[in-house]
N, C-alpha and C. Protein backbone atom coordinates (compact mmCIF):
# COMPACT_ATOMS: atom_id res chain seq x y z
N LEU A 1 0.82 -1.19 0.00
CA LEU A 1 0.00 0.00 0.00
C LEU A 1 0.87 1.26 0.00
N VAL A 2 1.85 1.29 0.88
CA VAL A 2 2.70 2.47 0.99
C VAL A 2 3.48 2.71 -0.30
N SER A 3 4.02 1.66 -0.88
CA SER A 3 4.79 1.84 -2.12
C SER A 3 3.89 2.34 -3.25
N ALA A 4 2.63 1.89 -3.28
CA ALA A 4 1.71 2.36 -4.32
C ALA A 4 1.38 3.84 -4.14
N LEU A 5 1.43 4.33 -2.91
CA LEU A 5 1.08 5.73 -2.64
C LEU A 5 2.27 6.68 -2.78
N GLN A 6 3.46 6.14 -3.01
CA GLN A 6 4.64 7.00 -3.15
C GLN A 6 4.47 8.03 -4.26
N THR A 7 3.85 7.64 -5.34
CA THR A 7 3.69 8.55 -6.48
C THR A 7 2.27 9.10 -6.58
N ASN A 8 1.50 8.98 -5.52
CA ASN A 8 0.12 9.47 -5.50
C ASN A 8 0.06 10.98 -5.73
N THR A 9 -0.78 11.38 -6.64
CA THR A 9 -1.01 12.81 -6.86
C THR A 9 -2.51 13.15 -6.84
N SER A 10 -3.35 12.19 -6.44
CA SER A 10 -4.78 12.47 -6.45
C SER A 10 -5.50 12.08 -5.15
N LEU A 11 -5.10 11.00 -4.50
CA LEU A 11 -5.79 10.54 -3.30
C LEU A 11 -5.47 11.48 -2.14
N LYS A 12 -6.52 12.04 -1.53
CA LYS A 12 -6.33 12.98 -0.43
C LYS A 12 -6.70 12.38 0.93
N LYS A 13 -7.49 11.31 0.93
CA LYS A 13 -7.90 10.69 2.19
C LYS A 13 -7.72 9.18 2.10
N LEU A 14 -7.13 8.62 3.14
CA LEU A 14 -6.91 7.18 3.24
C LEU A 14 -7.47 6.74 4.59
N ASP A 15 -8.40 5.80 4.58
CA ASP A 15 -9.01 5.31 5.82
C ASP A 15 -8.58 3.86 6.03
N VAL A 16 -7.72 3.66 7.00
CA VAL A 16 -7.28 2.31 7.37
C VAL A 16 -7.67 2.02 8.83
N SER A 17 -8.68 2.73 9.31
CA SER A 17 -9.07 2.63 10.73
C SER A 17 -9.57 1.26 11.12
N GLN A 18 -10.08 0.49 10.16
CA GLN A 18 -10.58 -0.85 10.47
C GLN A 18 -9.48 -1.91 10.44
N ASN A 19 -8.28 -1.51 10.06
CA ASN A 19 -7.16 -2.45 10.00
C ASN A 19 -6.41 -2.41 11.33
N ASN A 20 -6.81 -3.26 12.24
CA ASN A 20 -6.18 -3.29 13.56
C ASN A 20 -4.87 -4.06 13.56
N ASP A 21 -4.42 -4.51 12.39
CA ASP A 21 -3.17 -5.25 12.30
C ASP A 21 -2.00 -4.34 11.95
N ILE A 22 -2.20 -3.03 11.91
CA ILE A 22 -1.09 -2.12 11.62
C ILE A 22 -0.15 -2.13 12.82
N THR A 23 1.08 -2.47 12.56
CA THR A 23 2.10 -2.57 13.60
C THR A 23 2.90 -1.27 13.67
N SER A 24 3.86 -1.23 14.58
CA SER A 24 4.76 -0.08 14.64
C SER A 24 5.52 0.07 13.34
N LYS A 25 5.89 -1.05 12.73
CA LYS A 25 6.58 -0.99 11.44
C LYS A 25 5.68 -0.34 10.39
N GLY A 26 4.40 -0.71 10.38
CA GLY A 26 3.45 -0.11 9.44
C GLY A 26 3.27 1.37 9.70
N GLY A 27 3.20 1.75 10.98
CA GLY A 27 3.12 3.17 11.32
C GLY A 27 4.35 3.93 10.85
N GLY A 28 5.51 3.30 11.00
CA GLY A 28 6.75 3.92 10.51
C GLY A 28 6.75 4.09 9.01
N LEU A 29 6.22 3.11 8.30
CA LEU A 29 6.15 3.21 6.83
C LEU A 29 5.17 4.29 6.38
N LEU A 30 4.05 4.43 7.09
CA LEU A 30 3.12 5.50 6.76
C LEU A 30 3.73 6.87 7.04
N LEU A 31 4.47 6.97 8.13
CA LEU A 31 5.16 8.22 8.42
C LEU A 31 6.18 8.54 7.34
N LYS A 32 6.94 7.53 6.93
CA LYS A 32 7.93 7.73 5.88
C LYS A 32 7.27 8.15 4.57
N LEU A 33 6.06 7.67 4.33
CA LEU A 33 5.33 8.04 3.13
C LEU A 33 5.06 9.54 3.10
N VAL A 34 4.57 10.09 4.22
CA VAL A 34 4.19 11.51 4.23
C VAL A 34 5.31 12.44 4.67
N ASN A 35 6.36 11.89 5.28
CA ASN A 35 7.50 12.72 5.69
C ASN A 35 8.73 11.84 5.85
N ASP A 36 9.39 11.54 4.74
CA ASP A 36 10.59 10.70 4.75
C ASP A 36 11.77 11.57 5.15
N ILE A 37 12.28 11.36 6.35
CA ILE A 37 13.37 12.21 6.85
C ILE A 37 14.76 11.61 6.63
N SER A 38 14.85 10.58 5.78
CA SER A 38 16.16 9.95 5.56
C SER A 38 17.14 10.89 4.89
N SER A 39 16.64 11.89 4.19
CA SER A 39 17.49 12.93 3.60
C SER A 39 16.60 14.11 3.25
N ILE A 40 17.22 15.24 2.98
CA ILE A 40 16.45 16.42 2.57
C ILE A 40 15.72 16.13 1.26
N LYS A 41 16.40 15.48 0.33
CA LYS A 41 15.77 15.15 -0.95
C LYS A 41 14.56 14.24 -0.73
N ALA A 42 14.71 13.25 0.15
CA ALA A 42 13.60 12.34 0.41
C ALA A 42 12.41 13.08 1.04
N THR A 43 12.70 14.02 1.93
CA THR A 43 11.63 14.82 2.53
C THR A 43 10.90 15.61 1.45
N MET A 44 11.66 16.20 0.55
CA MET A 44 11.05 16.99 -0.53
C MET A 44 10.20 16.11 -1.45
N GLN A 45 10.55 14.82 -1.58
CA GLN A 45 9.83 13.92 -2.47
C GLN A 45 8.75 13.11 -1.74
N SER A 46 8.55 13.38 -0.46
CA SER A 46 7.48 12.69 0.29
C SER A 46 6.13 13.03 -0.32
N ASN A 47 5.14 12.23 0.04
CA ASN A 47 3.79 12.46 -0.47
C ASN A 47 3.23 13.74 0.14
N HIS A 48 2.90 14.72 -0.71
CA HIS A 48 2.35 15.99 -0.24
C HIS A 48 0.87 16.12 -0.59
N THR A 49 0.28 15.08 -1.19
CA THR A 49 -1.11 15.13 -1.62
C THR A 49 -2.06 14.62 -0.54
N LEU A 50 -1.68 13.53 0.13
CA LEU A 50 -2.55 13.00 1.20
C LEU A 50 -2.76 14.06 2.27
N GLN A 51 -4.01 14.26 2.65
CA GLN A 51 -4.32 15.25 3.67
C GLN A 51 -4.91 14.62 4.93
N THR A 52 -5.43 13.42 4.78
CA THR A 52 -6.04 12.72 5.92
C THR A 52 -5.69 11.25 5.84
N ILE A 53 -5.23 10.70 6.94
CA ILE A 53 -5.09 9.26 7.10
C ILE A 53 -5.83 8.92 8.39
N VAL A 54 -6.89 8.15 8.27
CA VAL A 54 -7.66 7.72 9.44
C VAL A 54 -7.05 6.40 9.89
N LEU A 55 -6.48 6.42 11.07
CA LEU A 55 -5.75 5.26 11.60
C LEU A 55 -6.47 4.63 12.77
N PRO A 56 -6.21 3.34 13.01
CA PRO A 56 -6.63 2.77 14.29
C PRO A 56 -5.69 3.34 15.35
N GLU A 57 -5.99 3.16 16.59
CA GLU A 57 -5.12 3.64 17.66
C GLU A 57 -3.79 2.89 17.60
N LEU A 58 -2.69 3.64 17.49
CA LEU A 58 -1.36 3.02 17.48
C LEU A 58 -0.73 3.18 18.86
N ASP A 59 0.14 2.25 19.22
CA ASP A 59 0.73 2.23 20.56
C ASP A 59 2.00 3.06 20.68
N ASP A 60 2.29 3.89 19.72
CA ASP A 60 3.54 4.63 19.77
C ASP A 60 3.32 6.05 19.25
N ASP A 61 4.40 6.79 19.06
CA ASP A 61 4.31 8.19 18.66
C ASP A 61 4.11 8.38 17.16
N TYR A 62 4.12 7.31 16.37
CA TYR A 62 3.99 7.47 14.92
C TYR A 62 2.73 8.24 14.54
N GLN A 63 1.65 7.98 15.23
CA GLN A 63 0.38 8.63 14.89
C GLN A 63 0.52 10.15 15.01
N ILE A 64 1.16 10.62 16.04
CA ILE A 64 1.36 12.06 16.24
C ILE A 64 2.17 12.65 15.09
N TYR A 65 3.27 11.99 14.74
CA TYR A 65 4.14 12.51 13.68
C TYR A 65 3.48 12.43 12.30
N ILE A 66 2.67 11.40 12.08
CA ILE A 66 1.93 11.30 10.82
C ILE A 66 0.96 12.48 10.71
N TYR A 67 0.23 12.75 11.76
CA TYR A 67 -0.73 13.85 11.73
C TYR A 67 -0.03 15.20 11.60
N ASP A 68 1.14 15.35 12.21
CA ASP A 68 1.91 16.59 12.04
C ASP A 68 2.31 16.80 10.58
N ALA A 69 2.78 15.72 9.94
CA ALA A 69 3.18 15.83 8.52
C ALA A 69 1.97 16.12 7.64
N LEU A 70 0.84 15.50 7.95
CA LEU A 70 -0.36 15.75 7.16
C LEU A 70 -0.85 17.18 7.32
N ARG A 71 -0.60 17.77 8.47
CA ARG A 71 -0.98 19.17 8.70
C ARG A 71 -0.30 20.09 7.68
N PHE A 72 0.97 19.81 7.38
CA PHE A 72 1.67 20.58 6.34
C PHE A 72 0.98 20.41 5.00
N ASN A 73 0.57 19.18 4.69
CA ASN A 73 -0.10 18.93 3.41
C ASN A 73 -1.41 19.70 3.32
N VAL A 74 -2.16 19.76 4.41
CA VAL A 74 -3.44 20.46 4.41
C VAL A 74 -3.22 21.98 4.33
N ASP A 75 -2.34 22.48 5.17
CA ASP A 75 -2.15 23.93 5.27
C ASP A 75 -1.51 24.54 4.03
N TYR A 76 -0.70 23.76 3.31
CA TYR A 76 0.06 24.34 2.21
C TYR A 76 -0.21 23.70 0.86
N TYR A 77 -1.30 22.92 0.75
CA TYR A 77 -1.70 22.34 -0.53
C TYR A 77 -2.49 23.40 -1.29
N PRO A 78 -2.34 23.61 -2.59
CA PRO A 78 -1.56 22.83 -3.53
C PRO A 78 -0.11 23.29 -3.67
N ARG A 79 0.26 24.35 -2.95
CA ARG A 79 1.69 24.71 -2.97
C ARG A 79 2.48 23.56 -2.39
N ARG A 80 3.75 23.53 -2.66
CA ARG A 80 4.57 22.43 -2.19
C ARG A 80 4.95 22.60 -0.72
N PRO A 81 4.45 21.73 0.16
CA PRO A 81 4.80 21.83 1.58
C PRO A 81 6.17 21.24 1.90
N GLY A 82 6.85 20.69 0.89
CA GLY A 82 8.15 20.05 1.12
C GLY A 82 9.15 20.90 1.86
N PRO A 83 9.39 22.15 1.43
CA PRO A 83 10.37 22.98 2.15
C PRO A 83 10.02 23.18 3.62
N LEU A 84 8.74 23.28 3.94
CA LEU A 84 8.35 23.44 5.34
C LEU A 84 8.54 22.14 6.12
N LYS A 85 8.34 21.00 5.46
CA LYS A 85 8.61 19.72 6.12
C LYS A 85 10.11 19.59 6.39
N VAL A 86 10.93 20.04 5.44
CA VAL A 86 12.38 20.00 5.65
C VAL A 86 12.74 20.83 6.87
N LYS A 87 12.21 22.03 6.91
CA LYS A 87 12.51 22.93 8.04
C LYS A 87 12.03 22.31 9.35
N GLY A 88 10.83 21.74 9.35
CA GLY A 88 10.27 21.18 10.57
C GLY A 88 10.93 19.91 11.04
N ALA A 89 11.33 19.05 10.11
CA ALA A 89 11.87 17.73 10.50
C ALA A 89 13.38 17.66 10.43
N GLN A 90 13.98 18.23 9.42
CA GLN A 90 15.42 18.10 9.24
C GLN A 90 16.21 19.05 10.14
N LEU A 91 15.65 20.19 10.45
CA LEU A 91 16.41 21.19 11.19
C LEU A 91 16.17 21.17 12.69
N HIS A 92 15.26 20.34 13.15
CA HIS A 92 15.01 20.21 14.58
C HIS A 92 15.56 18.87 15.04
N SER A 93 16.78 18.89 15.55
CA SER A 93 17.49 17.64 15.83
C SER A 93 16.79 16.77 16.87
N ARG A 94 16.14 17.34 17.86
CA ARG A 94 15.47 16.53 18.87
C ARG A 94 14.30 15.77 18.24
N GLN A 95 13.48 16.47 17.45
CA GLN A 95 12.35 15.81 16.80
C GLN A 95 12.85 14.79 15.79
N ARG A 96 13.92 15.12 15.05
CA ARG A 96 14.46 14.21 14.06
C ARG A 96 14.95 12.93 14.73
N ALA A 97 15.61 13.06 15.87
CA ALA A 97 16.11 11.88 16.58
C ALA A 97 14.96 10.96 17.00
N VAL A 98 13.87 11.52 17.45
CA VAL A 98 12.72 10.72 17.84
C VAL A 98 12.12 10.04 16.63
N MET A 99 12.01 10.76 15.52
CA MET A 99 11.39 10.20 14.32
C MET A 99 12.26 9.14 13.67
N CYS A 100 13.54 9.12 13.94
CA CYS A 100 14.45 8.13 13.33
C CYS A 100 14.46 6.81 14.09
N ARG A 101 13.75 6.72 15.19
CA ARG A 101 13.74 5.47 15.97
C ARG A 101 13.32 4.31 15.15
């Protein structure tokens, strides 16, 4: 699912709330989809179209970071929110360290 959404330019809402099998690894992959912090280039190429992901309750901080990244997509769509994601994730070392777990 995540790999198919990498090049998404039309889907704005994804509802996976009924999928209670989403693990921490799945949460991490969804976060990477909307805000890949592995490099500045990857952050710029993250999915900026998705505006809502309805998730089941996750047991970790991924849900918070996913919603933070989606907030950039909502607030700055259709302009490119990538530069703001770079500023928010790449330049704040404490937040970046937590997101790299």
